[in-house]
Amino acid sequence: MEKEFSRKPYITSEEFEKSRAQIYDYSLKTFGFLQAERYWTKIQKSLDMLPYRYLVHPECRHIPTKSQMYRNIVLDSHLIIYQITDLRVEVLDIVPSASSVSKIRGARRVCV
């Protein structure tokens, strides 16, 4: 018998919003308005699908747990790190995929 899938709302942390704004600013200065808007939209589309697809993405290999509650979305050169709780999906941070392991592990301590 298959497990019934449940939709979970998501919430973003202040740290995620701050990092996303920094990515936008960097993209704007480096690649221009259109590319910055495209990447912003790409991030938002990933978030919009999260309530339905939170189990599709792999466990974050830098934050392993028995329950596999920490997962990440690989998005171009960034990782969107989130955790699955009983009631919702909490988006913790978005970090460059080349970040140090300690920076990625630091996402565990982000408060939502």
PDB file of N, CA and C in Angstrom:
ATOM      1  N   MET A   1       0.840  -1.179   0.000  1.00  0.00           N
ATOM      2  CA  MET A   1       0.000   0.000   0.000  1.00  0.00           C
ATOM      3  C   MET A   1       0.888   1.247   0.000  1.00  0.00           C
ATOM      4  N   GLU A   2       0.553   2.206  -0.830  1.00  0.00           N
ATOM      5  CA  GLU A   2       1.355   3.417  -0.929  1.00  0.00           C
ATOM      6  C   GLU A   2       1.024   4.384   0.191  1.00  0.00           C
ATOM      7  N   LYS A   3       2.041   5.134   0.574  1.00  0.00           N
ATOM      8  CA  LYS A   3       1.874   6.158   1.584  1.00  0.00           C
ATOM      9  C   LYS A   3       1.106   7.329   0.982  1.00  0.00           C
ATOM     10  N   GLU A   4       0.145   7.840   1.720  1.00  0.00           N
ATOM     11  CA  GLU A   4      -0.625   8.973   1.207  1.00  0.00           C
ATOM     12  C   GLU A   4       0.227  10.233   1.283  1.00  0.00           C
ATOM     13  N   PHE A   5       0.224  10.981   0.199  1.00  0.00           N
ATOM     14  CA  PHE A   5       1.003  12.209   0.124  1.00  0.00           C
ATOM     15  C   PHE A   5       0.224  13.355   0.746  1.00  0.00           C
ATOM     16  N   SER A   6       0.898  14.134   1.545  1.00  0.00           N
ATOM     17  CA  SER A   6       0.236  15.294   2.140  1.00  0.00           C
ATOM     18  C   SER A   6       0.922  16.575   1.677  1.00  0.00           C
ATOM     19  N   ARG A   7       0.117  17.553   1.379  1.00  0.00           N
ATOM     20  CA  ARG A   7       0.614  18.869   0.999  1.00  0.00           C
ATOM     21  C   ARG A   7       0.994  19.607   2.271  1.00  0.00           C
ATOM     22  N   LYS A   8       2.133  20.277   2.256  1.00  0.00           N
ATOM     23  CA  LYS A   8       2.574  21.046   3.417  1.00  0.00           C
ATOM     24  C   LYS A   8       2.894  22.462   2.975  1.00  0.00           C
ATOM     25  N   PRO A   9       2.395  23.436   3.702  1.00  0.00           N
ATOM     26  CA  PRO A   9       2.755  24.819   3.373  1.00  0.00           C
ATOM     27  C   PRO A   9       4.234  25.052   3.698  1.00  0.00           C
ATOM     28  N   TYR A  10       4.797  26.080   3.099  1.00  0.00           N
ATOM     29  CA  TYR A  10       6.183  26.411   3.428  1.00  0.00           C
ATOM     30  C   TYR A  10       6.264  27.802   4.021  1.00  0.00           C
ATOM     31  N   ILE A  11       7.330  28.009   4.763  1.00  0.00           N
ATOM     32  CA  ILE A  11       7.624  29.302   5.348  1.00  0.00           C
ATOM     33  C   ILE A  11       9.112  29.559   5.145  1.00  0.00           C
ATOM     34  N   THR A  12       9.486  30.809   4.911  1.00  0.00           N
ATOM     35  CA  THR A  12      10.898  31.134   4.708  1.00  0.00           C
ATOM     36  C   THR A  12      11.441  31.867   5.925  1.00  0.00           C
ATOM     37  N   SER A  13      12.716  31.656   6.195  1.00  0.00           N
ATOM     38  CA  SER A  13      13.377  32.321   7.313  1.00  0.00           C
ATOM     39  C   SER A  13      13.858  33.704   6.886  1.00  0.00           C
ATOM     40  N   GLU A  14      14.169  34.527   7.850  1.00  0.00           N
ATOM     41  CA  GLU A  14      14.740  35.848   7.561  1.00  0.00           C
ATOM     42  C   GLU A  14      16.096  35.692   6.877  1.00  0.00           C
ATOM     43  N   GLU A  15      16.843  34.682   7.299  1.00  0.00           N
ATOM     44  CA  GLU A  15      18.157  34.423   6.705  1.00  0.00           C
ATOM     45  C   GLU A  15      18.023  34.093   5.215  1.00  0.00           C
ATOM     46  N   PHE A  16      17.028  33.293   4.867  1.00  0.00           N
ATOM     47  CA  PHE A  16      16.785  32.963   3.464  1.00  0.00           C
ATOM     48  C   PHE A  16      16.454  34.233   2.677  1.00  0.00           C
ATOM     49  N   GLU A  17      15.558  35.053   3.215  1.00  0.00           N
ATOM     50  CA  GLU A  17      15.153  36.283   2.505  1.00  0.00           C
ATOM     51  C   GLU A  17      16.336  37.229   2.322  1.00  0.00           C
ATOM     52  N   LYS A  18      17.185  37.313   3.332  1.00  0.00           N
ATOM     53  CA  LYS A  18      18.376  38.160   3.244  1.00  0.00           C
ATOM     54  C   LYS A  18      19.336  37.627   2.174  1.00  0.00           C
ATOM     55  N   SER A  19      19.561  36.320   2.175  1.00  0.00           N
ATOM     56  CA  SER A  19      20.457  35.713   1.188  1.00  0.00           C
ATOM     57  C   SER A  19      19.906  35.861  -0.226  1.00  0.00           C
ATOM     58  N   ARG A  20      18.590  35.684  -0.368  1.00  0.00           N
ATOM     59  CA  ARG A  20      17.970  35.824  -1.692  1.00  0.00           C
ATOM     60  C   ARG A  20      18.115  37.252  -2.210  1.00  0.00           C
ATOM     61  N   ALA A  21      17.964  38.233  -1.345  1.00  0.00           N
ATOM     62  CA  ALA A  21      18.134  39.636  -1.749  1.00  0.00           C
ATOM     63  C   ALA A  21      19.583  39.911  -2.156  1.00  0.00           C
ATOM     64  N   GLN A  22      20.539  39.323  -1.445  1.00  0.00           N
ATOM     65  CA  GLN A  22      21.952  39.491  -1.801  1.00  0.00           C
ATOM     66  C   GLN A  22      22.252  38.857  -3.158  1.00  0.00           C
ATOM     67  N   ILE A  23      21.662  37.705  -3.414  1.00  0.00           N
ATOM     68  CA  ILE A  23      21.841  37.046  -4.715  1.00  0.00           C
ATOM     69  C   ILE A  23      21.266  37.919  -5.823  1.00  0.00           C
ATOM     70  N   TYR A  24      20.107  38.505  -5.572  1.00  0.00           N
ATOM     71  CA  TYR A  24      19.491  39.381  -6.572  1.00  0.00           C
ATOM     72  C   TYR A  24      20.384  40.589  -6.843  1.00  0.00           C
ATOM     73  N   ASP A  25      20.874  41.219  -5.788  1.00  0.00           N
ATOM     74  CA  ASP A  25      21.740  42.389  -5.953  1.00  0.00           C
ATOM     75  C   ASP A  25      23.003  42.042  -6.731  1.00  0.00           C
ATOM     76  N   TYR A  26      23.608  40.912  -6.389  1.00  0.00           N
ATOM     77  CA  TYR A  26      24.814  40.467  -7.098  1.00  0.00           C
ATOM     78  C   TYR A  26      24.505  40.207  -8.574  1.00  0.00           C
ATOM     79  N   SER A  27      23.402  39.525  -8.832  1.00  0.00           N
ATOM     80  CA  SER A  27      23.012  39.219 -10.211  1.00  0.00           C
ATOM     81  C   SER A  27      22.735  40.489 -11.000  1.00  0.00           C
ATOM     82  N   LEU A  28      22.079  41.436 -10.357  1.00  0.00           N
ATOM     83  CA  LEU A  28      21.770  42.708 -11.004  1.00  0.00           C
ATOM     84  C   LEU A  28      23.041  43.443 -11.408  1.00  0.00           C
ATOM     85  N   LYS A  29      24.002  43.520 -10.493  1.00  0.00           N
ATOM     86  CA  LYS A  29      25.262  44.231 -10.765  1.00  0.00           C
ATOM     87  C   LYS A  29      26.127  43.486 -11.778  1.00  0.00           C
ATOM     88  N   THR A  30      26.108  42.165 -11.730  1.00  0.00           N
ATOM     89  CA  THR A  30      27.006  41.367 -12.554  1.00  0.00           C
ATOM     90  C   THR A  30      26.421  41.025 -13.920  1.00  0.00           C
ATOM     91  N   PHE A  31      25.135  40.653 -13.944  1.00  0.00           N
ATOM     92  CA  PHE A  31      24.540  40.139 -15.181  1.00  0.00           C
ATOM     93  C   PHE A  31      23.431  41.008 -15.757  1.00  0.00           C
ATOM     94  N   GLY A  32      22.967  41.987 -14.998  1.00  0.00           N
ATOM     95  CA  GLY A  32      21.938  42.880 -15.503  1.00  0.00           C
ATOM     96  C   GLY A  32      20.542  42.529 -15.008  1.00  0.00           C
ATOM     97  N   PHE A  33      19.622  43.440 -15.288  1.00  0.00           N
ATOM     98  CA  PHE A  33      18.258  43.347 -14.770  1.00  0.00           C
ATOM     99  C   PHE A  33      17.527  42.081 -15.216  1.00  0.00           C
ATOM    100  N   LEU A  34      17.570  41.767 -16.507  1.00  0.00           N
ATOM    101  CA  LEU A  34      16.813  40.614 -17.013  1.00  0.00           C
ATOM    102  C   LEU A  34      17.269  39.303 -16.373  1.00  0.00           C
ATOM    103  N   GLN A  35      18.575  39.111 -16.270  1.00  0.00           N
ATOM    104  CA  GLN A  35      19.080  37.873 -15.691  1.00  0.00           C
ATOM    105  C   GLN A  35      18.761  37.799 -14.199  1.00  0.00           C
ATOM    106  N   ALA A  36      18.846  38.929 -13.506  1.00  0.00           N
ATOM    107  CA  ALA A  36      18.506  38.952 -12.084  1.00  0.00           C
ATOM    108  C   ALA A  36      17.034  38.590 -11.886  1.00  0.00           C
ATOM    109  N   GLU A  37      16.171  39.118 -12.727  1.00  0.00           N
ATOM    110  CA  GLU A  37      14.739  38.812 -12.645  1.00  0.00           C
ATOM    111  C   GLU A  37      14.468  37.339 -12.974  1.00  0.00           C
ATOM    112  N   ARG A  38      15.159  36.819 -13.963  1.00  0.00           N
ATOM    113  CA  ARG A  38      14.983  35.402 -14.329  1.00  0.00           C
ATOM    114  C   ARG A  38      15.370  34.488 -13.176  1.00  0.00           C
ATOM    115  N   TYR A  39      16.486  34.783 -12.535  1.00  0.00           N
ATOM    116  CA  TYR A  39      16.939  33.922 -11.436  1.00  0.00           C
ATOM    117  C   TYR A  39      15.998  34.051 -10.235  1.00  0.00           C
ATOM    118  N   TRP A  40      15.541  35.265  -9.958  1.00  0.00           N
ATOM    119  CA  TRP A  40      14.573  35.480  -8.878  1.00  0.00           C
ATOM    120  C   TRP A  40      13.315  34.642  -9.126  1.00  0.00           C
ATOM    121  N   THR A  41      12.839  34.673 -10.374  1.00  0.00           N
ATOM    122  CA  THR A  41      11.654  33.898 -10.752  1.00  0.00           C
ATOM    123  C   THR A  41      11.911  32.405 -10.625  1.00  0.00           C
ATOM    124  N   LYS A  42      13.091  31.965 -11.004  1.00  0.00           N
ATOM    125  CA  LYS A  42      13.446  30.553 -10.903  1.00  0.00           C
ATOM    126  C   LYS A  42      13.444  30.104  -9.436  1.00  0.00           C
ATOM    127  N   ILE A  43      13.979  30.924  -8.558  1.00  0.00           N
ATOM    128  CA  ILE A  43      13.966  30.618  -7.119  1.00  0.00           C
ATOM    129  C   ILE A  43      12.522  30.539  -6.636  1.00  0.00           C
ATOM    130  N   GLN A  44      11.707  31.514  -7.029  1.00  0.00           N
ATOM    131  CA  GLN A  44      10.314  31.547  -6.578  1.00  0.00           C
ATOM    132  C   GLN A  44       9.520  30.340  -7.082  1.00  0.00           C
ATOM    133  N   LYS A  45       9.758  29.931  -8.315  1.00  0.00           N
ATOM    134  CA  LYS A  45       9.062  28.749  -8.852  1.00  0.00           C
ATOM    135  C   LYS A  45       9.434  27.493  -8.073  1.00  0.00           C
ATOM    136  N   SER A  46      10.702  27.389  -7.675  1.00  0.00           N
ATOM    137  CA  SER A  46      11.123  26.247  -6.856  1.00  0.00           C
ATOM    138  C   SER A  46      10.390  26.245  -5.527  1.00  0.00           C
ATOM    139  N   LEU A  47      10.227  27.427  -4.943  1.00  0.00           N
ATOM    140  CA  LEU A  47       9.507  27.533  -3.673  1.00  0.00           C
ATOM    141  C   LEU A  47       8.026  27.218  -3.853  1.00  0.00           C
ATOM    142  N   ASP A  48       7.450  27.684  -4.948  1.00  0.00           N
ATOM    143  CA  ASP A  48       6.021  27.454  -5.193  1.00  0.00           C
ATOM    144  C   ASP A  48       5.695  25.969  -5.358  1.00  0.00           C
ATOM    145  N   MET A  49       6.635  25.184  -5.839  1.00  0.00           N
ATOM    146  CA  MET A  49       6.435  23.746  -6.012  1.00  0.00           C
ATOM    147  C   MET A  49       6.721  22.959  -4.734  1.00  0.00           C
ATOM    148  N   LEU A  50       7.376  23.587  -3.791  1.00  0.00           N
ATOM    149  CA  LEU A  50       7.802  22.896  -2.569  1.00  0.00           C
ATOM    150  C   LEU A  50       6.671  22.233  -1.786  1.00  0.00           C
ATOM    151  N   PRO A  51       5.494  22.854  -1.625  1.00  0.00           N
ATOM    152  CA  PRO A  51       4.425  22.184  -0.870  1.00  0.00           C
ATOM    153  C   PRO A  51       4.018  20.833  -1.453  1.00  0.00           C
ATOM    154  N   TYR A  52       4.215  20.649  -2.741  1.00  0.00           N
ATOM    155  CA  TYR A  52       3.814  19.430  -3.418  1.00  0.00           C
ATOM    156  C   TYR A  52       4.980  18.457  -3.641  1.00  0.00           C
ATOM    157  N   ARG A  53       6.213  18.986  -3.630  1.00  0.00           N
ATOM    158  CA  ARG A  53       7.369  18.182  -4.030  1.00  0.00           C
ATOM    159  C   ARG A  53       8.476  18.164  -2.983  1.00  0.00           C
ATOM    160  N   TYR A  54       8.156  18.397  -1.740  1.00  0.00           N
ATOM    161  CA  TYR A  54       9.197  18.486  -0.714  1.00  0.00           C
ATOM    162  C   TYR A  54       9.939  17.176  -0.490  1.00  0.00           C
ATOM    163  N   LEU A  55       9.338  16.037  -0.837  1.00  0.00           N
ATOM    164  CA  LEU A  55      10.015  14.747  -0.671  1.00  0.00           C
ATOM    165  C   LEU A  55      10.832  14.337  -1.902  1.00  0.00           C
ATOM    166  N   VAL A  56      10.691  15.062  -2.991  1.00  0.00           N
ATOM    167  CA  VAL A  56      11.380  14.727  -4.236  1.00  0.00           C
ATOM    168  C   VAL A  56      12.877  15.044  -4.149  1.00  0.00           C
ATOM    169  N   HIS A  57      13.220  16.100  -3.473  1.00  0.00           N
ATOM    170  CA  HIS A  57      14.598  16.567  -3.427  1.00  0.00           C
ATOM    171  C   HIS A  57      15.419  15.710  -2.460  1.00  0.00           C
ATOM    172  N   PRO A  58      16.718  15.578  -2.732  1.00  0.00           N
ATOM    173  CA  PRO A  58      17.548  14.693  -1.913  1.00  0.00           C
ATOM    174  C   PRO A  58      17.825  15.252  -0.523  1.00  0.00           C
ATOM    175  N   GLU A  59      18.181  14.330   0.357  1.00  0.00           N
ATOM    176  CA  GLU A  59      18.620  14.737   1.686  1.00  0.00           C
ATOM    177  C   GLU A  59      19.885  15.567   1.523  1.00  0.00           C
ATOM    178  N   CYS A  60      20.008  16.590   2.348  1.00  0.00           N
ATOM    179  CA  CYS A  60      21.218  17.415   2.322  1.00  0.00           C
ATOM    180  C   CYS A  60      22.356  16.564   2.882  1.00  0.00           C
ATOM    181  N   ARG A  61      23.299  16.204   2.050  1.00  0.00           N
ATOM    182  CA  ARG A  61      24.344  15.264   2.469  1.00  0.00           C
ATOM    183  C   ARG A  61      25.269  15.833   3.537  1.00  0.00           C
ATOM    184  N   HIS A  62      25.259  17.134   3.731  1.00  0.00           N
ATOM    185  CA  HIS A  62      26.090  17.760   4.754  1.00  0.00           C
ATOM    186  C   HIS A  62      25.403  17.806   6.114  1.00  0.00           C
ATOM    187  N   ILE A  63      24.092  17.529   6.134  1.00  0.00           N
ATOM    188  CA  ILE A  63      23.319  17.528   7.387  1.00  0.00           C
ATOM    189  C   ILE A  63      22.506  16.235   7.446  1.00  0.00           C
ATOM    190  N   PRO A  64      23.162  15.088   7.520  1.00  0.00           N
ATOM    191  CA  PRO A  64      22.406  13.838   7.519  1.00  0.00           C
ATOM    192  C   PRO A  64      21.667  13.598   8.843  1.00  0.00           C
ATOM    193  N   THR A  65      20.463  13.083   8.748  1.00  0.00           N
ATOM    194  CA  THR A  65      19.681  12.677   9.919  1.00  0.00           C
ATOM    195  C   THR A  65      18.960  11.378   9.578  1.00  0.00           C
ATOM    196  N   LYS A  66      18.542  10.657  10.594  1.00  0.00           N
ATOM    197  CA  LYS A  66      17.807   9.412  10.348  1.00  0.00           C
ATOM    198  C   LYS A  66      16.490   9.685   9.638  1.00  0.00           C
ATOM    199  N   SER A  67      15.848  10.785   9.995  1.00  0.00           N
ATOM    200  CA  SER A  67      14.543  11.099   9.412  1.00  0.00           C
ATOM    201  C   SER A  67      14.645  11.804   8.055  1.00  0.00           C
ATOM    202  N   GLN A  68      15.853  12.142   7.635  1.00  0.00           N
ATOM    203  CA  GLN A  68      16.095  12.882   6.393  1.00  0.00           C
ATOM    204  C   GLN A  68      15.276  14.168   6.338  1.00  0.00           C
ATOM    205  N   MET A  69      15.214  14.858   7.460  1.00  0.00           N
ATOM    206  CA  MET A  69      14.409  16.083   7.532  1.00  0.00           C
ATOM    207  C   MET A  69      15.055  17.274   6.838  1.00  0.00           C
ATOM    208  N   TYR A  70      16.393  17.277   6.695  1.00  0.00           N
ATOM    209  CA  TYR A  70      17.069  18.368   5.998  1.00  0.00           C
ATOM    210  C   TYR A  70      17.288  17.955   4.555  1.00  0.00           C
ATOM    211  N   ARG A  71      16.781  18.760   3.648  1.00  0.00           N
ATOM    212  CA  ARG A  71      16.899  18.472   2.223  1.00  0.00           C
ATOM    213  C   ARG A  71      17.356  19.725   1.490  1.00  0.00           C
ATOM    214  N   ASN A  72      17.741  19.559   0.252  1.00  0.00           N
ATOM    215  CA  ASN A  72      18.153  20.728  -0.529  1.00  0.00           C
ATOM    216  C   ASN A  72      17.679  20.625  -1.966  1.00  0.00           C
ATOM    217  N   ILE A  73      17.424  21.791  -2.510  1.00  0.00           N
ATOM    218  CA  ILE A  73      17.094  21.927  -3.927  1.00  0.00           C
ATOM    219  C   ILE A  73      18.353  22.448  -4.602  1.00  0.00           C
ATOM    220  N   VAL A  74      18.824  21.739  -5.604  1.00  0.00           N
ATOM    221  CA  VAL A  74      19.983  22.198  -6.366  1.00  0.00           C
ATOM    222  C   VAL A  74      19.456  23.111  -7.458  1.00  0.00           C
ATOM    223  N   LEU A  75      19.864  24.363  -7.395  1.00  0.00           N
ATOM    224  CA  LEU A  75      19.366  25.370  -8.332  1.00  0.00           C
ATOM    225  C   LEU A  75      20.559  26.116  -8.917  1.00  0.00           C
ATOM    226  N   ASP A  76      20.956  25.748 -10.113  1.00  0.00           N
ATOM    227  CA  ASP A  76      22.128  26.320 -10.759  1.00  0.00           C
ATOM    228  C   ASP A  76      23.332  26.259  -9.815  1.00  0.00           C
ATOM    229  N   SER A  77      23.815  27.398  -9.367  1.00  0.00           N
ATOM    230  CA  SER A  77      25.003  27.398  -8.506  1.00  0.00           C
ATOM    231  C   SER A  77      24.654  27.594  -7.029  1.00  0.00           C
ATOM    232  N   HIS A  78      23.410  27.316  -6.658  1.00  0.00           N
ATOM    233  CA  HIS A  78      22.981  27.489  -5.264  1.00  0.00           C
ATOM    234  C   HIS A  78      22.256  26.249  -4.746  1.00  0.00           C
ATOM    235  N   LEU A  79      22.214  26.147  -3.433  1.00  0.00           N
ATOM    236  CA  LEU A  79      21.425  25.130  -2.748  1.00  0.00           C
ATOM    237  C   LEU A  79      20.388  25.840  -1.900  1.00  0.00           C
ATOM    238  N   ILE A  80      19.139  25.467  -2.053  1.00  0.00           N
ATOM    239  CA  ILE A  80      18.085  25.953  -1.165  1.00  0.00           C
ATOM    240  C   ILE A  80      17.915  24.862  -0.110  1.00  0.00           C
ATOM    241  N   ILE A  81      18.249  25.190   1.126  1.00  0.00           N
ATOM    242  CA  ILE A  81      18.214  24.210   2.204  1.00  0.00           C
ATOM    243  C   ILE A  81      16.923  24.386   2.988  1.00  0.00           C
ATOM    244  N   TYR A  82      16.220  23.269   3.201  1.00  0.00           N
ATOM    245  CA  TYR A  82      14.970  23.319   3.956  1.00  0.00           C
ATOM    246  C   TYR A  82      14.855  22.108   4.856  1.00  0.00           C
ATOM    247  N   GLN A  83      13.955  22.231   5.819  1.00  0.00           N
ATOM    248  CA  GLN A  83      13.688  21.098   6.693  1.00  0.00           C
ATOM    249  C   GLN A  83      12.197  20.814   6.696  1.00  0.00           C
ATOM    250  N   ILE A  84      11.884  19.537   6.838  1.00  0.00           N
ATOM    251  CA  ILE A  84      10.496  19.096   6.850  1.00  0.00           C
ATOM    252  C   ILE A  84      10.094  18.853   8.298  1.00  0.00           C
ATOM    253  N   THR A  85       9.022  19.511   8.723  1.00  0.00           N
ATOM    254  CA  THR A  85       8.480  19.278  10.059  1.00  0.00           C
ATOM    255  C   THR A  85       7.115  18.608   9.900  1.00  0.00           C
ATOM    256  N   ASP A  86       6.475  18.324  11.014  1.00  0.00           N
ATOM    257  CA  ASP A  86       5.165  17.673  10.948  1.00  0.00           C
ATOM    258  C   ASP A  86       4.119  18.537  10.254  1.00  0.00           C
ATOM    259  N   LEU A  87       4.214  19.847  10.438  1.00  0.00           N
ATOM    260  CA  LEU A  87       3.164  20.740   9.945  1.00  0.00           C
ATOM    261  C   LEU A  87       3.508  21.523   8.684  1.00  0.00           C
ATOM    262  N   ARG A  88       4.819  21.708   8.433  1.00  0.00           N
ATOM    263  CA  ARG A  88       5.185  22.579   7.316  1.00  0.00           C
ATOM    264  C   ARG A  88       6.606  22.283   6.834  1.00  0.00           C
ATOM    265  N   VAL A  89       6.972  22.965   5.779  1.00  0.00           N
ATOM    266  CA  VAL A  89       8.337  22.933   5.247  1.00  0.00           C
ATOM    267  C   VAL A  89       8.946  24.287   5.573  1.00  0.00           C
ATOM    268  N   GLU A  90      10.093  24.263   6.218  1.00  0.00           N
ATOM    269  CA  GLU A  90      10.761  25.503   6.617  1.00  0.00           C
ATOM    270  C   GLU A  90      11.991  25.712   5.746  1.00  0.00           C
ATOM    271  N   VAL A  91      11.965  26.758   4.935  1.00  0.00           N
ATOM    272  CA  VAL A  91      13.093  27.083   4.063  1.00  0.00           C
ATOM    273  C   VAL A  91      14.091  27.874   4.903  1.00  0.00           C
ATOM    274  N   LEU A  92      15.273  27.288   5.096  1.00  0.00           N
ATOM    275  CA  LEU A  92      16.241  27.850   6.031  1.00  0.00           C
ATOM    276  C   LEU A  92      17.186  28.858   5.394  1.00  0.00           C
ATOM    277  N   ASP A  93      17.747  28.514   4.236  1.00  0.00           N
ATOM    278  CA  ASP A  93      18.719  29.414   3.617  1.00  0.00           C
ATOM    279  C   ASP A  93      18.936  29.011   2.167  1.00  0.00           C
ATOM    280  N   ILE A  94      19.534  29.916   1.424  1.00  0.00           N
ATOM    281  CA  ILE A  94      20.007  29.626   0.076  1.00  0.00           C
ATOM    282  C   ILE A  94      21.481  30.008   0.075  1.00  0.00           C
ATOM    283  N   VAL A  95      22.327  29.037  -0.259  1.00  0.00           N
ATOM    284  CA  VAL A  95      23.775  29.234  -0.194  1.00  0.00           C
ATOM    285  C   VAL A  95      24.405  28.814  -1.513  1.00  0.00           C
ATOM    286  N   PRO A  96      25.559  29.400  -1.842  1.00  0.00           N
ATOM    287  CA  PRO A  96      26.277  28.925  -3.032  1.00  0.00           C
ATOM    288  C   PRO A  96      26.635  27.457  -2.863  1.00  0.00           C
ATOM    289  N   SER A  97      26.515  26.673  -3.912  1.00  0.00           N
ATOM    290  CA  SER A  97      26.790  25.242  -3.804  1.00  0.00           C
ATOM    291  C   SER A  97      28.259  24.965  -3.512  1.00  0.00           C
ATOM    292  N   ALA A  98      29.114  25.934  -3.744  1.00  0.00           N
ATOM    293  CA  ALA A  98      30.537  25.779  -3.441  1.00  0.00           C
ATOM    294  C   ALA A  98      30.874  26.228  -2.018  1.00  0.00           C
ATOM    295  N   SER A  99      29.870  26.476  -1.196  1.00  0.00           N
ATOM    296  CA  SER A  99      30.103  26.915   0.180  1.00  0.00           C
ATOM    297  C   SER A  99      30.798  25.836   0.989  1.00  0.00           C
ATOM    298  N   SER A 100      31.434  26.270   2.049  1.00  0.00           N
ATOM    299  CA  SER A 100      32.079  25.312   2.941  1.00  0.00           C
ATOM    300  C   SER A 100      31.010  24.468   3.634  1.00  0.00           C
ATOM    301  N   VAL A 101      31.408  23.294   4.049  1.00  0.00           N
ATOM    302  CA  VAL A 101      30.494  22.393   4.742  1.00  0.00           C
ATOM    303  C   VAL A 101      29.976  23.040   6.016  1.00  0.00           C
ATOM    304  N   SER A 102      30.827  23.767   6.720  1.00  0.00           N
ATOM    305  CA  SER A 102      30.381  24.406   7.968  1.00  0.00           C
ATOM    306  C   SER A 102      29.322  25.468   7.702  1.00  0.00           C
ATOM    307  N   LYS A 103      29.416  26.186   6.590  1.00  0.00           N
ATOM    308  CA  LYS A 103      28.380  27.179   6.246  1.00  0.00           C
ATOM    309  C   LYS A 103      27.057  26.479   5.957  1.00  0.00           C
ATOM    310  N   ILE A 104      27.125  25.368   5.223  1.00  0.00           N
ATOM    311  CA  ILE A 104      25.896  24.626   4.909  1.00  0.00           C
ATOM    312  C   ILE A 104      25.312  24.042   6.175  1.00  0.00           C
ATOM    313  N   ARG A 105      26.143  23.476   7.026  1.00  0.00           N
ATOM    314  CA  ARG A 105      25.647  22.918   8.291  1.00  0.00           C
ATOM    315  C   ARG A 105      25.061  23.993   9.198  1.00  0.00           C
ATOM    316  N   GLY A 106      25.536  25.213   9.052  1.00  0.00           N
ATOM    317  CA  GLY A 106      25.023  26.320   9.842  1.00  0.00           C
ATOM    318  C   GLY A 106      23.561  26.612   9.603  1.00  0.00           C
ATOM    319  N   ALA A 107      23.031  26.146   8.499  1.00  0.00           N
ATOM    320  CA  ALA A 107      21.615  26.351   8.183  1.00  0.00           C
ATOM    321  C   ALA A 107      20.710  25.681   9.231  1.00  0.00           C
ATOM    322  N   ARG A 108      21.222  24.647   9.891  1.00  0.00           N
ATOM    323  CA  ARG A 108      20.432  23.984  10.935  1.00  0.00           C
ATOM    324  C   ARG A 108      20.038  24.930  12.050  1.00  0.00           C
ATOM    325  N   ARG A 109      20.886  25.905  12.300  1.00  0.00           N
ATOM    326  CA  ARG A 109      20.657  26.817  13.425  1.00  0.00           C
ATOM    327  C   ARG A 109      19.811  28.033  13.072  1.00  0.00           C
ATOM    328  N   VAL A 110      19.351  28.107  11.845  1.00  0.00           N
ATOM    329  CA  VAL A 110      18.512  29.229  11.413  1.00  0.00           C
ATOM    330  C   VAL A 110      17.122  29.068  12.021  1.00  0.00           C
ATOM    331  N   CYS A 111      16.629  30.132  12.607  1.00  0.00           N
ATOM    332  CA  CYS A 111      15.283  30.117  13.194  1.00  0.00           C
ATOM    333  C   CYS A 111      14.270  30.608  12.181  1.00  0.00           C
ATOM    334  N   VAL A 112      13.151  29.937  12.144  1.00  0.00           N
ATOM    335  CA  VAL A 112      12.095  30.323  11.197  1.00  0.00           C
ATOM    336  C   VAL A 112      11.006  31.047  11.944  1.00  0.00           C
TER     337      VAL A 112
END
